[in-house]
Amino acid sequence: MNTDVLIKTDISFHDFREALNHIADELIARHIVKASYRQSVFEREDEFPTGIELEHYAVAIPHCEAEHALKPAIYFIRPNKTVAFNRADDDGTVDVHFIIALVVTDPKEQLNVLKTLFGKLQDNQFVEQLISTPSRLLPTLIKQHLTFN
């Protein structure tokens, strides 16, 4: 099964909760996740926040358990202004420049997918591409570097 890649740019969110609701709405409407995804992703974000400070930018990587997934997907969102997410590494917040929502169907693969993604996010050149690539070219960039089965 191939990874679905969804892209959204030039969108604004008042806060991370609005962003998570948007993600849930889109993924549920496309039959990528079950309706239970919404509550699960909120619970996971509350317990284990996903805002991560990179060298020059910040990212949030919302995800939840595979039991809520119907098919693998990556939903890449580049909002037109930063969104405050709770930090993964302490009690503060971080203003994220992009969001990568992961949907993994195999619970055994989730850790590997996250490790691979974190590795790619350490590559400043790749992160710059995520920030600067025109919207129409983002699906190709993401499929080349981030997809999984």
N, C-alpha and C. Protein backbone atom coordinates (compact mmCIF):
# COMPACT_ATOMS: atom_id res chain seq x y z
N MET A 1 0.85 -1.18 0.00
CA MET A 1 0.00 0.00 0.00
C MET A 1 0.89 1.24 0.00
N ASN A 2 0.63 2.14 -0.90
CA ASN A 2 1.42 3.36 -0.97
C ASN A 2 0.95 4.39 0.04
N THR A 3 1.85 5.29 0.36
CA THR A 3 1.55 6.38 1.28
C THR A 3 0.82 7.49 0.55
N ASP A 4 -0.34 7.88 1.05
CA ASP A 4 -1.02 9.06 0.51
C ASP A 4 -0.27 10.30 0.98
N VAL A 5 -0.12 11.26 0.09
CA VAL A 5 0.54 12.52 0.44
C VAL A 5 -0.47 13.64 0.22
N LEU A 6 -0.75 14.37 1.29
CA LEU A 6 -1.65 15.52 1.23
C LEU A 6 -0.82 16.76 1.53
N ILE A 7 -1.13 17.84 0.85
CA ILE A 7 -0.39 19.10 1.00
C ILE A 7 -1.39 20.23 1.21
N LYS A 8 -1.07 21.10 2.15
CA LYS A 8 -1.87 22.32 2.34
C LYS A 8 -0.90 23.45 2.66
N THR A 9 -1.01 24.54 1.93
CA THR A 9 -0.19 25.73 2.19
C THR A 9 -1.12 26.93 2.29
N ASP A 10 -0.57 28.03 2.75
CA ASP A 10 -1.32 29.28 2.83
C ASP A 10 -2.63 29.13 3.59
N ILE A 11 -2.54 28.56 4.76
CA ILE A 11 -3.67 28.40 5.66
C ILE A 11 -3.25 28.96 7.01
N SER A 12 -4.19 29.49 7.76
CA SER A 12 -3.88 30.04 9.09
C SER A 12 -4.63 29.27 10.16
N PHE A 13 -3.98 29.12 11.30
CA PHE A 13 -4.60 28.50 12.47
C PHE A 13 -4.39 29.43 13.65
N HIS A 14 -5.41 29.58 14.49
CA HIS A 14 -5.27 30.40 15.69
C HIS A 14 -4.39 29.73 16.72
N ASP A 15 -4.45 28.39 16.77
CA ASP A 15 -3.66 27.65 17.74
C ASP A 15 -3.52 26.20 17.27
N PHE A 16 -2.77 25.42 18.04
CA PHE A 16 -2.52 24.04 17.62
C PHE A 16 -3.80 23.20 17.64
N ARG A 17 -4.75 23.54 18.49
CA ARG A 17 -6.01 22.78 18.53
C ARG A 17 -6.80 22.96 17.23
N GLU A 18 -6.80 24.17 16.71
CA GLU A 18 -7.46 24.40 15.42
C GLU A 18 -6.74 23.62 14.32
N ALA A 19 -5.42 23.59 14.37
CA ALA A 19 -4.65 22.83 13.39
C ALA A 19 -4.97 21.34 13.48
N LEU A 20 -5.02 20.80 14.68
CA LEU A 20 -5.33 19.37 14.85
C LEU A 20 -6.74 19.05 14.39
N ASN A 21 -7.69 19.94 14.65
CA ASN A 21 -9.06 19.72 14.15
C ASN A 21 -9.09 19.72 12.63
N HIS A 22 -8.36 20.63 12.02
CA HIS A 22 -8.28 20.67 10.56
C HIS A 22 -7.71 19.36 10.02
N ILE A 23 -6.61 18.91 10.63
CA ILE A 23 -5.97 17.66 10.19
C ILE A 23 -6.96 16.51 10.32
N ALA A 24 -7.62 16.40 11.45
CA ALA A 24 -8.59 15.32 11.65
C ALA A 24 -9.72 15.40 10.62
N ASP A 25 -10.25 16.59 10.38
CA ASP A 25 -11.32 16.76 9.39
C ASP A 25 -10.89 16.24 8.03
N GLU A 26 -9.70 16.65 7.59
CA GLU A 26 -9.21 16.26 6.26
C GLU A 26 -8.95 14.76 6.17
N LEU A 27 -8.32 14.20 7.17
CA LEU A 27 -7.97 12.77 7.13
C LEU A 27 -9.21 11.89 7.25
N ILE A 28 -10.16 12.29 8.05
CA ILE A 28 -11.41 11.52 8.18
C ILE A 28 -12.21 11.61 6.87
N ALA A 29 -12.31 12.79 6.29
CA ALA A 29 -13.07 12.98 5.05
C ALA A 29 -12.49 12.16 3.90
N ARG A 30 -11.18 11.93 3.91
CA ARG A 30 -10.51 11.17 2.85
C ARG A 30 -10.39 9.68 3.19
N HIS A 31 -11.03 9.27 4.25
CA HIS A 31 -11.03 7.87 4.67
C HIS A 31 -9.62 7.33 4.88
N ILE A 32 -8.76 8.18 5.43
CA ILE A 32 -7.39 7.80 5.77
C ILE A 32 -7.32 7.33 7.21
N VAL A 33 -8.17 7.90 8.05
CA VAL A 33 -8.23 7.52 9.47
C VAL A 33 -9.68 7.28 9.88
N LYS A 34 -9.83 6.60 10.99
CA LYS A 34 -11.16 6.38 11.57
C LYS A 34 -11.59 7.64 12.33
N ALA A 35 -12.87 7.72 12.62
CA ALA A 35 -13.38 8.86 13.38
C ALA A 35 -12.71 8.97 14.75
N SER A 36 -12.24 7.87 15.29
CA SER A 36 -11.57 7.86 16.59
C SER A 36 -10.24 8.59 16.57
N TYR A 37 -9.73 8.89 15.38
CA TYR A 37 -8.44 9.57 15.25
C TYR A 37 -8.44 10.92 15.97
N ARG A 38 -9.51 11.68 15.82
CA ARG A 38 -9.55 13.04 16.38
C ARG A 38 -9.25 13.02 17.88
N GLN A 39 -9.99 12.24 18.63
CA GLN A 39 -9.78 12.20 20.07
C GLN A 39 -8.39 11.66 20.40
N SER A 40 -7.95 10.67 19.67
CA SER A 40 -6.65 10.06 19.95
C SER A 40 -5.50 11.03 19.70
N VAL A 41 -5.57 11.79 18.61
CA VAL A 41 -4.47 12.71 18.30
C VAL A 41 -4.43 13.85 19.32
N PHE A 42 -5.59 14.28 19.78
CA PHE A 42 -5.63 15.31 20.83
C PHE A 42 -5.06 14.78 22.14
N GLU A 43 -5.46 13.56 22.51
CA GLU A 43 -4.94 12.97 23.74
C GLU A 43 -3.43 12.79 23.67
N ARG A 44 -2.95 12.33 22.52
CA ARG A 44 -1.52 12.11 22.36
C ARG A 44 -0.77 13.43 22.43
N GLU A 45 -1.29 14.45 21.78
CA GLU A 45 -0.64 15.76 21.78
C GLU A 45 -0.62 16.36 23.19
N ASP A 46 -1.67 16.13 23.96
CA ASP A 46 -1.70 16.62 25.34
C ASP A 46 -0.69 15.90 26.22
N GLU A 47 -0.56 14.60 26.02
CA GLU A 47 0.34 13.81 26.86
C GLU A 47 1.80 13.88 26.40
N PHE A 48 1.99 13.80 25.08
CA PHE A 48 3.33 13.82 24.49
C PHE A 48 3.36 14.84 23.36
N PRO A 49 3.58 16.12 23.67
CA PRO A 49 3.57 17.16 22.64
C PRO A 49 4.59 16.89 21.53
N THR A 50 4.32 17.44 20.35
CA THR A 50 5.16 17.13 19.19
C THR A 50 5.88 18.33 18.58
N GLY A 51 5.86 19.49 19.22
CA GLY A 51 6.58 20.65 18.70
C GLY A 51 8.08 20.47 18.90
N ILE A 52 8.82 20.59 17.81
CA ILE A 52 10.27 20.35 17.84
C ILE A 52 11.01 21.52 17.21
N GLU A 53 11.95 22.06 17.95
CA GLU A 53 12.81 23.15 17.45
C GLU A 53 13.93 22.52 16.62
N LEU A 54 14.05 22.95 15.37
CA LEU A 54 15.16 22.53 14.52
C LEU A 54 16.21 23.63 14.55
N GLU A 55 17.22 23.51 13.71
CA GLU A 55 18.28 24.52 13.75
C GLU A 55 17.77 25.92 13.40
N HIS A 56 16.98 26.02 12.32
CA HIS A 56 16.50 27.34 11.89
C HIS A 56 14.97 27.47 11.90
N TYR A 57 14.28 26.37 11.99
CA TYR A 57 12.82 26.36 11.93
C TYR A 57 12.30 25.45 13.04
N ALA A 58 10.99 25.32 13.10
CA ALA A 58 10.37 24.39 14.04
C ALA A 58 9.26 23.64 13.32
N VAL A 59 9.01 22.42 13.77
CA VAL A 59 8.03 21.54 13.17
C VAL A 59 7.20 20.88 14.26
N ALA A 60 5.98 20.54 13.92
CA ALA A 60 5.16 19.67 14.78
C ALA A 60 4.86 18.41 13.98
N ILE A 61 4.87 17.28 14.67
CA ILE A 61 4.65 16.00 14.01
C ILE A 61 3.53 15.24 14.72
N PRO A 62 2.30 15.72 14.59
CA PRO A 62 1.19 15.03 15.26
C PRO A 62 0.98 13.64 14.66
N HIS A 63 0.72 12.69 15.54
CA HIS A 63 0.45 11.32 15.14
C HIS A 63 -0.22 10.60 16.30
N CYS A 64 -0.73 9.42 16.04
CA CYS A 64 -1.33 8.63 17.12
C CYS A 64 -1.16 7.15 16.78
N GLU A 65 -1.75 6.30 17.59
CA GLU A 65 -1.58 4.88 17.42
C GLU A 65 -2.16 4.39 16.09
N ALA A 66 -1.55 3.33 15.56
CA ALA A 66 -1.94 2.77 14.27
C ALA A 66 -3.37 2.25 14.25
N GLU A 67 -3.93 1.93 15.39
CA GLU A 67 -5.29 1.38 15.43
C GLU A 67 -6.33 2.37 14.89
N HIS A 68 -5.98 3.64 14.80
CA HIS A 68 -6.91 4.66 14.29
C HIS A 68 -6.72 4.92 12.80
N ALA A 69 -5.74 4.26 12.19
CA ALA A 69 -5.40 4.49 10.78
C ALA A 69 -6.09 3.48 9.87
N LEU A 70 -6.46 3.95 8.69
CA LEU A 70 -7.01 3.08 7.66
C LEU A 70 -5.99 2.84 6.55
N LYS A 71 -5.18 3.85 6.25
CA LYS A 71 -4.11 3.70 5.26
C LYS A 71 -3.01 4.69 5.57
N PRO A 72 -1.77 4.37 5.18
CA PRO A 72 -0.65 5.25 5.51
C PRO A 72 -0.73 6.58 4.76
N ALA A 73 -0.34 7.64 5.46
CA ALA A 73 -0.40 8.97 4.84
C ALA A 73 0.54 9.93 5.54
N ILE A 74 0.90 10.95 4.79
CA ILE A 74 1.62 12.11 5.31
C ILE A 74 0.81 13.32 4.89
N TYR A 75 0.49 14.16 5.86
CA TYR A 75 -0.21 15.42 5.57
C TYR A 75 0.75 16.54 5.94
N PHE A 76 1.30 17.18 4.91
CA PHE A 76 2.26 18.27 5.10
C PHE A 76 1.52 19.59 5.01
N ILE A 77 1.66 20.40 6.04
CA ILE A 77 1.00 21.71 6.09
C ILE A 77 2.05 22.78 6.32
N ARG A 78 2.04 23.77 5.44
CA ARG A 78 2.92 24.93 5.60
C ARG A 78 2.02 26.16 5.76
N PRO A 79 1.69 26.49 7.02
CA PRO A 79 0.80 27.63 7.25
C PRO A 79 1.47 28.95 6.85
N ASN A 80 0.65 29.97 6.61
CA ASN A 80 1.22 31.26 6.21
C ASN A 80 1.74 32.05 7.40
N LYS A 81 1.51 31.56 8.62
CA LYS A 81 2.15 32.13 9.81
C LYS A 81 2.37 31.00 10.80
N THR A 82 3.32 31.17 11.68
CA THR A 82 3.65 30.10 12.62
C THR A 82 2.48 29.80 13.55
N VAL A 83 2.50 28.58 14.07
CA VAL A 83 1.47 28.10 14.99
C VAL A 83 2.17 27.61 16.25
N ALA A 84 1.73 28.06 17.41
CA ALA A 84 2.35 27.63 18.67
C ALA A 84 1.87 26.22 19.04
N PHE A 85 2.83 25.32 19.16
CA PHE A 85 2.59 23.96 19.64
C PHE A 85 3.37 23.78 20.93
N ASN A 86 2.90 22.91 21.79
CA ASN A 86 3.67 22.58 22.98
C ASN A 86 4.93 21.82 22.57
N ARG A 87 6.01 22.12 23.26
CA ARG A 87 7.31 21.53 22.93
C ARG A 87 7.37 20.07 23.37
N ALA A 88 8.05 19.26 22.58
CA ALA A 88 8.26 17.86 22.93
C ALA A 88 9.29 17.71 24.04
N ASP A 89 10.19 18.70 24.18
CA ASP A 89 11.34 18.54 25.08
C ASP A 89 11.23 19.29 26.41
N ASP A 90 10.21 20.10 26.59
CA ASP A 90 10.02 20.77 27.88
C ASP A 90 8.59 21.29 27.99
N ASP A 91 8.34 22.14 28.96
CA ASP A 91 6.97 22.60 29.20
C ASP A 91 6.57 23.84 28.41
N GLY A 92 7.45 24.40 27.61
CA GLY A 92 7.14 25.61 26.87
C GLY A 92 6.43 25.33 25.56
N THR A 93 6.34 26.38 24.75
CA THR A 93 5.77 26.24 23.41
C THR A 93 6.83 26.61 22.38
N VAL A 94 6.58 26.23 21.15
CA VAL A 94 7.45 26.58 20.05
C VAL A 94 6.55 26.96 18.87
N ASP A 95 6.94 28.01 18.15
CA ASP A 95 6.18 28.46 16.98
C ASP A 95 6.64 27.66 15.77
N VAL A 96 5.79 26.76 15.29
CA VAL A 96 6.18 25.87 14.20
C VAL A 96 5.92 26.51 12.84
N HIS A 97 6.84 26.24 11.93
CA HIS A 97 6.77 26.76 10.57
C HIS A 97 6.06 25.79 9.63
N PHE A 98 6.08 24.50 9.99
CA PHE A 98 5.36 23.52 9.20
C PHE A 98 4.95 22.35 10.09
N ILE A 99 3.95 21.62 9.62
CA ILE A 99 3.38 20.50 10.36
C ILE A 99 3.44 19.28 9.45
N ILE A 100 3.89 18.17 10.00
CA ILE A 100 3.89 16.92 9.26
C ILE A 100 3.08 15.91 10.08
N ALA A 101 1.84 15.71 9.68
CA ALA A 101 0.98 14.74 10.36
C ALA A 101 1.24 13.37 9.73
N LEU A 102 1.59 12.42 10.57
CA LEU A 102 1.87 11.06 10.10
C LEU A 102 0.72 10.13 10.44
N VAL A 103 0.39 9.28 9.49
CA VAL A 103 -0.58 8.22 9.72
C VAL A 103 0.10 6.91 9.34
N VAL A 104 0.36 6.09 10.34
CA VAL A 104 1.07 4.82 10.14
C VAL A 104 0.10 3.69 10.48
N THR A 105 0.01 2.70 9.58
CA THR A 105 -0.94 1.60 9.79
C THR A 105 -0.32 0.41 10.52
N ASP A 106 0.99 0.29 10.50
CA ASP A 106 1.67 -0.84 11.14
C ASP A 106 2.33 -0.35 12.43
N PRO A 107 1.82 -0.78 13.58
CA PRO A 107 2.39 -0.28 14.84
C PRO A 107 3.88 -0.59 15.00
N LYS A 108 4.34 -1.67 14.36
CA LYS A 108 5.76 -2.03 14.46
C LYS A 108 6.63 -1.07 13.65
N GLU A 109 6.05 -0.38 12.70
CA GLU A 109 6.81 0.53 11.84
C GLU A 109 6.82 1.97 12.34
N GLN A 110 5.96 2.31 13.27
CA GLN A 110 5.81 3.71 13.67
C GLN A 110 7.13 4.31 14.16
N LEU A 111 7.85 3.60 15.01
CA LEU A 111 9.11 4.12 15.53
C LEU A 111 10.12 4.31 14.41
N ASN A 112 10.18 3.36 13.47
CA ASN A 112 11.12 3.49 12.35
C ASN A 112 10.77 4.69 11.47
N VAL A 113 9.48 4.90 11.24
CA VAL A 113 9.04 6.04 10.43
C VAL A 113 9.44 7.34 11.11
N LEU A 114 9.21 7.42 12.42
CA LEU A 114 9.58 8.64 13.16
C LEU A 114 11.09 8.86 13.15
N LYS A 115 11.87 7.80 13.32
CA LYS A 115 13.34 7.93 13.29
C LYS A 115 13.81 8.42 11.93
N THR A 116 13.24 7.86 10.87
CA THR A 116 13.61 8.29 9.52
C THR A 116 13.26 9.76 9.31
N LEU A 117 12.08 10.15 9.74
CA LEU A 117 11.66 11.55 9.60
C LEU A 117 12.58 12.47 10.39
N PHE A 118 12.89 12.12 11.64
CA PHE A 118 13.79 12.95 12.45
C PHE A 118 15.15 13.08 11.78
N GLY A 119 15.62 11.98 11.19
CA GLY A 119 16.90 12.03 10.47
C GLY A 119 16.85 13.01 9.32
N LYS A 120 15.77 12.98 8.54
CA LYS A 120 15.63 13.91 7.42
C LYS A 120 15.54 15.36 7.90
N LEU A 121 14.90 15.57 9.04
CA LEU A 121 14.74 16.94 9.55
C LEU A 121 16.04 17.51 10.12
N GLN A 122 17.06 16.68 10.28
CA GLN A 122 18.38 17.17 10.69
C GLN A 122 19.16 17.72 9.50
N ASP A 123 18.67 17.45 8.30
CA ASP A 123 19.30 17.91 7.06
C ASP A 123 18.76 19.31 6.75
N ASN A 124 19.58 20.33 7.04
CA ASN A 124 19.13 21.72 6.85
C ASN A 124 18.72 22.01 5.41
N GLN A 125 19.40 21.41 4.45
CA GLN A 125 19.06 21.64 3.05
C GLN A 125 17.64 21.11 2.75
N PHE A 126 17.33 19.93 3.26
CA PHE A 126 15.99 19.37 3.07
C PHE A 126 14.93 20.25 3.73
N VAL A 127 15.20 20.70 4.94
CA VAL A 127 14.24 21.57 5.65
C VAL A 127 14.03 22.87 4.87
N GLU A 128 15.10 23.44 4.34
CA GLU A 128 14.97 24.65 3.51
C GLU A 128 14.09 24.38 2.30
N GLN A 129 14.22 23.19 1.71
CA GLN A 129 13.37 22.83 0.58
C GLN A 129 11.90 22.76 1.00
N LEU A 130 11.64 22.18 2.17
CA LEU A 130 10.25 22.12 2.64
C LEU A 130 9.66 23.52 2.81
N ILE A 131 10.48 24.46 3.25
CA ILE A 131 10.02 25.83 3.48
C ILE A 131 9.85 26.60 2.18
N SER A 132 10.73 26.38 1.21
CA SER A 132 10.78 27.25 0.03
C SER A 132 10.21 26.65 -1.26
N THR A 133 10.02 25.36 -1.32
CA THR A 133 9.52 24.74 -2.55
C THR A 133 8.10 25.22 -2.85
N PRO A 134 7.82 25.59 -4.11
CA PRO A 134 6.46 25.98 -4.46
C PRO A 134 5.46 24.85 -4.17
N SER A 135 4.27 25.21 -3.80
CA SER A 135 3.24 24.24 -3.40
C SER A 135 3.07 23.10 -4.40
N ARG A 136 3.06 23.44 -5.67
CA ARG A 136 2.79 22.42 -6.68
C ARG A 136 3.89 21.37 -6.76
N LEU A 137 5.10 21.68 -6.27
CA LEU A 137 6.21 20.73 -6.31
C LEU A 137 6.40 19.97 -5.00
N LEU A 138 5.69 20.37 -3.96
CA LEU A 138 5.84 19.70 -2.66
C LEU A 138 5.50 18.21 -2.68
N PRO A 139 4.44 17.78 -3.38
CA PRO A 139 4.16 16.34 -3.37
C PRO A 139 5.34 15.50 -3.87
N THR A 140 5.99 15.95 -4.92
CA THR A 140 7.14 15.22 -5.44
C THR A 140 8.27 15.19 -4.43
N LEU A 141 8.58 16.32 -3.82
CA LEU A 141 9.64 16.38 -2.82
C LEU A 141 9.35 15.42 -1.66
N ILE A 142 8.14 15.44 -1.17
CA ILE A 142 7.79 14.60 -0.03
C ILE A 142 7.78 13.12 -0.41
N LYS A 143 7.26 12.80 -1.58
CA LYS A 143 7.27 11.39 -2.02
C LYS A 143 8.69 10.87 -2.18
N GLN A 144 9.60 11.72 -2.63
CA GLN A 144 10.99 11.30 -2.80
C GLN A 144 11.69 11.04 -1.47
N HIS A 145 11.33 11.78 -0.43
CA HIS A 145 12.10 11.74 0.81
C HIS A 145 11.39 11.15 2.02
N LEU A 146 10.07 11.16 2.05
CA LEU A 146 9.39 10.83 3.30
C LEU A 146 8.36 9.72 3.25
N THR A 147 8.05 9.16 2.11
CA THR A 147 6.97 8.18 2.09
C THR A 147 7.41 6.84 2.67
N PHE A 148 6.44 6.07 3.07
CA PHE A 148 6.66 4.76 3.68
C PHE A 148 5.46 3.88 3.33
N ASN A 149 5.57 2.61 3.61
CA ASN A 149 4.44 1.69 3.35
C ASN A 149 3.92 1.13 4.64
